[in-house]
Amino acid sequence: MAEFISTFITGFSEVVKTDLEKRFSNIKILNLYDGLVHYKFDGDSHQLEKITYFNNTFFVLKTMKGKGLNFPSLVGAVCSSKSYFLVNKGSFRVRFQQENQFAKVDKNITRRVEEYVLRNSKLQLDRLSPTNEIWFCIRREGFAFCGELISKREFTEKNLNQGELRPEIAYLMCCFANLKPQSLVADPFCGFGSIPVQLGKKFNCQKIYASDINEEKIERLKQGALRQAQGPQKAQGPQVDIRQTDAFELPQISDASLDAIITDPPWGLWENIPDINDFYNKMFVSFKRVLKKDGTMTVLSARTAELEAAAASQGIAIQKSLHTLVNGKKATVYVMQLSV
């Protein structure tokens, strides 16, 4: 089995591990760190490119563990034996990264690696615009690796509308919610539809309620990706209810009918919300009405103190949580349930 390393958004390590092991029977997790998974995979490497939450994926040439790791020792370990390169045509350059920051190294070290790759592959050197990259990375956990970059997610914030939730965060939130098959799920603050789209494409839901108070966003969603997520025939996917409505009322949803709510409500940092405490209290009152007794709420927020206080005042217990970054802002994903 070939070895690979993939990076992903901070905070979701256990969620990623669970999802990978559920998705692939031919995978073995070797090391798991915050934002990085090292694994063996016996399959077509192109399958790894389709994973929504992977940023960079490397074919592993060498790994090292221990204290005091440095680039000379890592380069020496790599260059002391012959390597097999997964991508063996085109051009390459060498990059060095220390604790997620690109680093400068002695030119002699770089030249040694370049000569090594030239001897052991059919790749041609191109330091400006190569088709391939060889990375040497040292992490603060005492783990280092050399890998051939085989997949890089080109998606950036420029691809998103202002305030739109990144698709990989939406997907991982849905995984974290641990939905049961054929669940009835709602996103009362759906915005541009990141969460409902992932629910429709990747999860076995019976029905999805997608709603928002913004009429323009709802009209775009009705014509866009959420309808496409149902497949060529609507019978193949979940039922989808898309409408403009107030999250504090949700008139389209019956009492005690939902299995889960997964949502990214306003944080009150950029929106005109005079009292975020009152906002979250009203939100939870609405959620309690539509959820079944054993239903769950998966909520993303950077206003952790206010959200936790509102949950406590409404008799809602936090089952689990994880910390992540959203557009550089510290945020927390909660899974909550009515207190018994």
Protein backbone atom coordinates (compact mmCIF):
# COMPACT_ATOMS: atom_id res chain seq x y z
CA MET A 1 0.00 0.00 0.00
CA ALA A 2 1.32 3.43 -0.92
CA GLU A 3 1.67 6.11 1.76
CA PHE A 4 0.06 9.54 1.51
CA ILE A 5 -0.26 12.67 3.61
CA SER A 6 -3.15 15.11 3.28
CA THR A 7 -3.79 18.42 5.02
CA PHE A 8 -7.14 19.90 6.02
CA ILE A 9 -8.73 22.65 8.12
CA THR A 10 -7.74 22.81 11.78
CA GLY A 11 -9.91 21.22 14.47
CA PHE A 12 -11.54 18.41 12.47
CA SER A 13 -8.93 15.64 12.86
CA GLU A 14 -11.20 13.02 14.47
CA VAL A 15 -14.03 13.88 12.08
CA VAL A 16 -11.71 13.39 9.11
CA LYS A 17 -10.40 10.06 10.48
CA THR A 18 -13.93 8.73 10.97
CA ASP A 19 -15.05 9.89 7.54
CA LEU A 20 -12.05 8.39 5.74
CA GLU A 21 -12.44 5.02 7.44
CA LYS A 22 -16.15 5.01 6.64
CA ARG A 23 -15.56 6.04 3.04
CA PHE A 24 -12.69 3.66 2.20
CA SER A 25 -12.20 0.05 3.26
CA ASN A 26 -8.68 0.11 1.77
CA ILE A 27 -7.22 2.81 4.01
CA LYS A 28 -5.07 2.58 7.14
CA ILE A 29 -4.43 5.67 9.28
CA LEU A 30 -0.80 5.80 10.43
CA ASN A 31 -0.57 9.23 12.10
CA LEU A 32 -3.16 11.88 12.87
CA TYR A 33 -2.31 15.46 13.79
CA ASP A 34 -4.25 18.71 13.85
CA GLY A 35 -4.85 19.47 10.18
CA LEU A 36 -2.82 16.52 8.84
CA VAL A 37 -3.44 12.81 8.28
CA HIS A 38 -0.76 10.26 7.28
CA TYR A 39 -2.17 7.04 5.85
CA LYS A 40 -1.71 4.02 3.61
CA PHE A 41 -4.12 3.74 0.70
CA ASP A 42 -4.55 0.81 -1.63
CA GLY A 43 -6.47 2.39 -4.48
CA ASP A 44 -6.46 4.92 -7.30
CA SER A 45 -4.81 8.09 -5.98
CA HIS A 46 -7.21 10.15 -8.12
CA GLN A 47 -9.93 9.20 -5.63
CA LEU A 48 -8.12 11.31 -3.05
CA GLU A 49 -8.51 14.42 -5.23
CA LYS A 50 -12.30 14.17 -4.87
CA ILE A 51 -12.28 14.53 -1.10
CA THR A 52 -13.86 17.91 -0.35
CA TYR A 53 -11.86 18.77 2.75
CA PHE A 54 -8.33 17.88 1.58
CA ASN A 55 -6.14 20.90 0.81
CA ASN A 56 -2.76 19.42 -0.20
CA THR A 57 -2.17 15.71 -0.76
CA PHE A 58 1.34 14.24 -0.97
CA PHE A 59 2.73 10.92 -2.10
CA VAL A 60 5.12 10.13 0.76
CA LEU A 61 8.82 9.63 0.07
CA LYS A 62 10.02 9.72 3.68
CA THR A 63 8.73 10.43 7.22
CA MET A 64 10.66 11.07 10.44
CA LYS A 65 9.70 11.50 14.09
CA GLY A 66 11.58 12.87 17.07
CA LYS A 67 12.93 16.01 18.70
CA GLY A 68 15.24 18.45 16.99
CA LEU A 69 14.23 17.57 13.45
CA ASN A 70 15.89 19.72 10.80
CA PHE A 71 16.07 19.98 7.03
CA PRO A 72 19.68 18.72 6.62
CA SER A 73 18.83 15.46 8.41
CA LEU A 74 15.56 15.03 6.51
CA VAL A 75 17.25 15.72 3.17
CA GLY A 76 20.07 13.33 4.09
CA ALA A 77 17.59 10.56 4.91
CA VAL A 78 15.75 11.03 1.62
CA CYS A 79 18.85 11.26 -0.57
CA SER A 80 20.53 8.23 0.98
CA SER A 81 18.23 5.80 -0.84
CA LYS A 82 16.47 5.53 -4.18
CA SER A 83 12.90 6.80 -4.33
CA TYR A 84 9.90 5.96 -6.49
CA PHE A 85 8.01 9.03 -7.73
CA LEU A 86 4.28 8.66 -8.32
CA VAL A 87 4.27 11.46 -10.92
CA ASN A 88 7.32 10.88 -13.10
CA LYS A 89 6.91 13.27 -15.99
CA GLY A 90 6.93 17.04 -16.41
CA SER A 91 8.98 19.45 -14.32
CA PHE A 92 9.59 20.04 -10.60
CA ARG A 93 10.88 22.38 -7.94
CA VAL A 94 11.74 21.83 -4.26
CA ARG A 95 10.02 23.61 -1.36
CA PHE A 96 10.72 23.66 2.37
CA GLN A 97 8.09 24.32 5.03
CA GLN A 98 8.59 24.76 8.79
CA GLU A 99 5.45 24.80 10.97
CA ASN A 100 3.21 25.72 8.02
CA GLN A 101 5.46 28.56 6.85
CA PHE A 102 7.70 28.34 3.80
CA ALA A 103 11.33 28.50 4.86
CA LYS A 104 14.65 29.38 3.22
CA VAL A 105 17.47 26.85 3.41
CA ASP A 106 21.09 26.73 2.35
CA LYS A 107 21.44 26.56 -1.43
CA ASN A 108 23.64 23.48 -1.14
CA ILE A 109 20.77 21.59 0.51
CA THR A 110 18.40 22.59 -2.25
CA ARG A 111 20.90 21.61 -4.95
CA ARG A 112 21.42 18.23 -3.32
CA VAL A 113 17.70 17.50 -3.49
CA GLU A 114 17.43 18.75 -7.07
CA GLU A 115 20.29 16.52 -8.21
CA TYR A 116 18.75 13.58 -6.36
CA VAL A 117 15.37 14.02 -8.08
CA LEU A 118 17.03 14.41 -11.49
CA ARG A 119 18.94 11.15 -10.97
CA ASN A 120 15.94 9.16 -9.75
CA SER A 121 13.16 10.40 -12.01
CA LYS A 122 12.33 11.67 -15.48
CA LEU A 123 11.32 15.06 -14.07
CA GLN A 124 13.04 18.20 -15.35
CA LEU A 125 14.04 21.09 -13.10
CA ASP A 126 11.92 24.25 -13.33
CA ARG A 127 12.15 26.58 -10.32
CA LEU A 128 9.60 29.11 -11.63
CA SER A 129 6.53 27.34 -13.00
CA PRO A 130 6.84 23.58 -12.55
CA THR A 131 4.16 20.97 -13.03
CA ASN A 132 5.24 19.17 -9.88
CA GLU A 133 6.64 20.01 -6.43
CA ILE A 134 8.69 18.09 -3.87
CA TRP A 135 8.05 19.34 -0.33
CA PHE A 136 10.12 18.92 2.84
CA CYS A 137 7.96 19.72 5.88
CA ILE A 138 8.71 19.88 9.60
CA ARG A 139 5.83 20.20 12.07
CA ARG A 140 5.89 21.28 15.69
CA GLU A 141 4.57 17.91 16.90
CA GLY A 142 7.94 16.33 16.15
CA PHE A 143 6.90 14.94 12.78
CA ALA A 144 8.57 15.60 9.43
CA PHE A 145 8.07 14.30 5.93
CA CYS A 146 9.18 14.58 2.33
CA GLY A 147 6.42 14.21 -0.20
CA GLU A 148 5.56 14.68 -3.85
CA LEU A 149 2.60 17.05 -4.12
CA ILE A 150 -0.01 15.23 -6.21
CA SER A 151 -3.11 17.28 -5.49
CA LYS A 152 -3.65 20.89 -4.48
CA ARG A 153 -7.07 22.40 -3.92
CA GLU A 154 -7.19 25.64 -5.90
CA PHE A 155 -10.34 26.86 -4.16
CA THR A 156 -9.90 30.24 -2.41
CA GLU A 157 -12.08 32.81 -0.67
CA LYS A 158 -12.34 34.62 -4.02
CA ASN A 159 -14.57 31.79 -5.21
CA LEU A 160 -17.10 32.56 -2.46
CA ASN A 161 -19.74 35.21 -1.99
CA GLN A 162 -19.22 37.45 1.02
CA GLY A 163 -20.35 35.57 4.10
CA GLU A 164 -20.63 32.22 2.29
CA LEU A 165 -19.52 29.19 4.31
CA ARG A 166 -16.69 27.19 2.77
CA PRO A 167 -17.93 23.86 1.35
CA GLU A 168 -15.39 21.76 3.27
CA ILE A 169 -16.51 23.28 6.59
CA ALA A 170 -20.14 22.64 5.66
CA TYR A 171 -19.34 19.01 4.81
CA LEU A 172 -17.35 18.42 8.00
CA MET A 173 -20.12 19.98 10.10
CA CYS A 174 -22.56 17.49 8.57
CA CYS A 175 -20.15 14.65 9.40
CA PHE A 176 -19.74 15.95 12.96
CA ALA A 177 -23.54 15.93 13.35
CA ASN A 178 -23.51 12.13 12.88
CA LEU A 179 -26.83 12.03 11.06
CA LYS A 180 -28.98 8.92 11.00
CA PRO A 181 -30.11 7.60 7.58
CA GLN A 182 -33.26 9.20 6.19
CA SER A 183 -33.16 12.11 8.64
CA LEU A 184 -35.29 15.23 8.37
CA VAL A 185 -32.79 18.10 8.58
CA ALA A 186 -33.06 21.89 8.50
CA ASP A 187 -30.72 24.83 8.01
CA PRO A 188 -32.73 27.90 9.12
CA PHE A 189 -29.86 30.30 8.27
CA CYS A 190 -28.90 28.69 4.96
CA GLY A 191 -27.56 31.83 3.26
CA PHE A 192 -26.00 30.73 -0.03
CA GLY A 193 -26.78 27.09 0.74
CA SER A 194 -23.39 25.60 1.63
CA ILE A 195 -24.80 23.23 4.26
CA PRO A 196 -27.97 22.14 2.38
CA VAL A 197 -25.91 21.51 -0.78
CA GLN A 198 -23.57 19.16 1.11
CA LEU A 199 -26.54 17.45 2.75
CA GLY A 200 -28.16 16.93 -0.63
CA LYS A 201 -25.05 15.66 -2.38
CA LYS A 202 -23.29 13.57 0.24
CA PHE A 203 -25.77 12.51 2.93
CA ASN A 204 -28.75 10.18 2.97
CA CYS A 205 -31.44 12.62 4.11
CA GLN A 206 -35.16 12.10 3.66
CA LYS A 207 -35.97 15.81 3.57
CA ILE A 208 -34.00 19.07 3.78
CA TYR A 209 -35.53 22.37 4.88
CA ALA A 210 -33.39 25.27 3.62
CA SER A 211 -34.55 28.72 4.67
CA ASP A 212 -33.24 32.23 5.17
CA ILE A 213 -34.73 35.65 5.76
CA ASN A 214 -32.87 37.07 2.75
CA GLU A 215 -35.12 36.81 -0.32
CA GLU A 216 -32.31 37.27 -2.87
CA LYS A 217 -30.27 34.40 -1.44
CA ILE A 218 -33.30 32.11 -1.41
CA GLU A 219 -34.12 32.88 -5.04
CA ARG A 220 -30.53 32.12 -6.05
CA LEU A 221 -30.64 28.88 -4.10
CA LYS A 222 -33.87 27.79 -5.75
CA GLN A 223 -32.25 28.07 -9.16
CA GLY A 224 -28.81 26.83 -8.20
CA ALA A 225 -26.75 24.09 -6.66
CA LEU A 226 -29.28 22.74 -4.18
CA ARG A 227 -31.68 21.71 -6.92
CA GLN A 228 -28.79 20.15 -8.82
CA ALA A 229 -27.86 18.18 -5.70
CA GLN A 230 -31.08 16.21 -6.08
CA GLY A 231 -29.76 14.53 -9.24
CA PRO A 232 -31.30 14.32 -12.71
CA GLN A 233 -34.52 12.97 -11.21
CA LYS A 234 -35.81 14.43 -7.96
CA ALA A 235 -36.85 10.97 -6.77
CA GLN A 236 -33.15 10.05 -6.57
CA GLY A 237 -32.38 12.62 -3.89
CA PRO A 238 -33.98 14.02 -0.76
CA GLN A 239 -37.07 16.16 -0.76
CA VAL A 240 -36.03 19.81 -0.59
CA ASP A 241 -38.08 22.64 0.86
CA ILE A 242 -36.52 26.03 0.02
CA ARG A 243 -38.24 29.19 1.18
CA GLN A 244 -37.79 32.66 2.62
CA THR A 245 -38.79 32.64 6.27
CA ASP A 246 -37.75 33.90 9.70
CA ALA A 247 -35.63 31.42 11.66
CA PHE A 248 -37.44 32.49 14.84
CA GLU A 249 -40.75 31.20 13.44
CA LEU A 250 -40.16 28.43 10.85
CA PRO A 251 -43.87 28.08 9.98
CA GLN A 252 -43.11 25.46 7.31
CA ILE A 253 -41.85 22.97 9.93
CA SER A 254 -44.20 21.09 12.25
CA ASP A 255 -43.64 20.79 15.99
CA ALA A 256 -41.22 18.05 17.09
CA SER A 257 -40.65 16.82 13.52
CA LEU A 258 -36.92 17.35 12.83
CA ASP A 259 -34.13 14.91 13.53
CA ALA A 260 -31.43 17.56 13.24
CA ILE A 261 -30.61 21.20 12.62
CA ILE A 262 -27.23 22.04 11.09
CA THR A 263 -26.60 25.73 10.68
CA ASP A 264 -24.22 28.71 10.71
CA PRO A 265 -26.28 31.53 12.29
CA PRO A 266 -25.13 35.17 12.27
CA TRP A 267 -22.37 35.90 14.73
CA GLY A 268 -23.34 39.53 15.22
CA LEU A 269 -19.84 40.66 14.27
CA TRP A 270 -20.66 41.99 10.80
CA GLU A 271 -24.47 41.95 10.81
CA ASN A 272 -26.71 44.59 12.40
CA ILE A 273 -27.84 42.59 15.43
CA PRO A 274 -28.31 44.90 18.43
CA ASP A 275 -28.41 42.13 21.06
CA ILE A 276 -26.74 38.83 20.15
CA ASN A 277 -27.77 37.27 23.48
CA ASP A 278 -31.44 37.90 22.75
CA PHE A 279 -30.91 36.68 19.17
CA TYR A 280 -29.48 33.33 20.29
CA ASN A 281 -32.19 32.87 22.93
CA LYS A 282 -34.94 33.37 20.36
CA MET A 283 -33.11 31.04 17.98
CA PHE A 284 -33.01 28.23 20.53
CA VAL A 285 -36.69 28.69 21.42
CA SER A 286 -37.52 28.21 17.74
CA PHE A 287 -35.20 25.20 17.41
CA LYS A 288 -36.72 23.52 20.49
CA ARG A 289 -40.17 23.70 18.97
CA VAL A 290 -39.33 21.93 15.72
CA LEU A 291 -36.86 19.32 17.00
CA LYS A 292 -37.79 15.85 18.22
CA LYS A 293 -36.93 15.10 21.84
CA ASP A 294 -33.77 13.29 20.76
CA GLY A 295 -33.01 15.72 17.93
CA THR A 296 -29.67 17.50 17.71
CA MET A 297 -28.46 20.99 16.82
CA THR A 298 -25.08 21.44 15.14
CA VAL A 299 -24.17 25.12 15.28
CA LEU A 300 -21.11 27.12 14.21
CA SER A 301 -20.27 30.38 15.99
CA ALA A 302 -17.41 32.62 17.05
CA ARG A 303 -19.57 34.09 19.84
CA THR A 304 -18.96 31.14 22.13
CA ALA A 305 -19.74 32.79 25.48
CA GLU A 306 -23.05 34.21 24.26
CA LEU A 307 -24.08 31.01 22.49
CA GLU A 308 -23.25 28.80 25.48
CA ALA A 309 -25.10 31.13 27.87
CA ALA A 310 -28.20 31.12 25.67
CA ALA A 311 -28.09 27.32 25.36
CA ALA A 312 -27.86 26.91 29.13
CA SER A 313 -30.77 29.28 29.75
CA GLN A 314 -32.92 27.30 27.30
CA GLY A 315 -32.15 23.91 28.83
CA ILE A 316 -29.91 22.81 25.97
CA ALA A 317 -26.86 20.65 26.70
CA ILE A 318 -23.61 20.65 24.74
CA GLN A 319 -22.78 17.06 23.73
CA LYS A 320 -19.49 17.78 22.00
CA SER A 321 -17.59 20.64 20.40
CA LEU A 322 -14.49 21.37 18.37
CA HIS A 323 -12.47 24.51 17.68
CA THR A 324 -11.56 25.64 14.18
CA LEU A 325 -10.79 28.73 12.09
CA VAL A 326 -13.25 30.39 9.72
CA ASN A 327 -11.70 33.08 7.52
CA GLY A 328 -8.94 33.44 10.11
CA LYS A 329 -11.43 33.87 12.97
CA LYS A 330 -11.51 31.41 15.88
CA ALA A 331 -14.84 29.61 15.90
CA THR A 332 -16.45 26.58 17.53
CA VAL A 333 -18.75 23.90 16.18
CA TYR A 334 -21.22 22.58 18.77
CA VAL A 335 -23.49 19.55 18.76
CA MET A 336 -26.29 20.17 21.27
CA GLN A 337 -29.40 18.40 22.49
CA LEU A 338 -32.27 19.16 24.83
CA SER A 339 -31.31 18.41 28.43
CA VAL A 340 -33.04 15.34 29.82
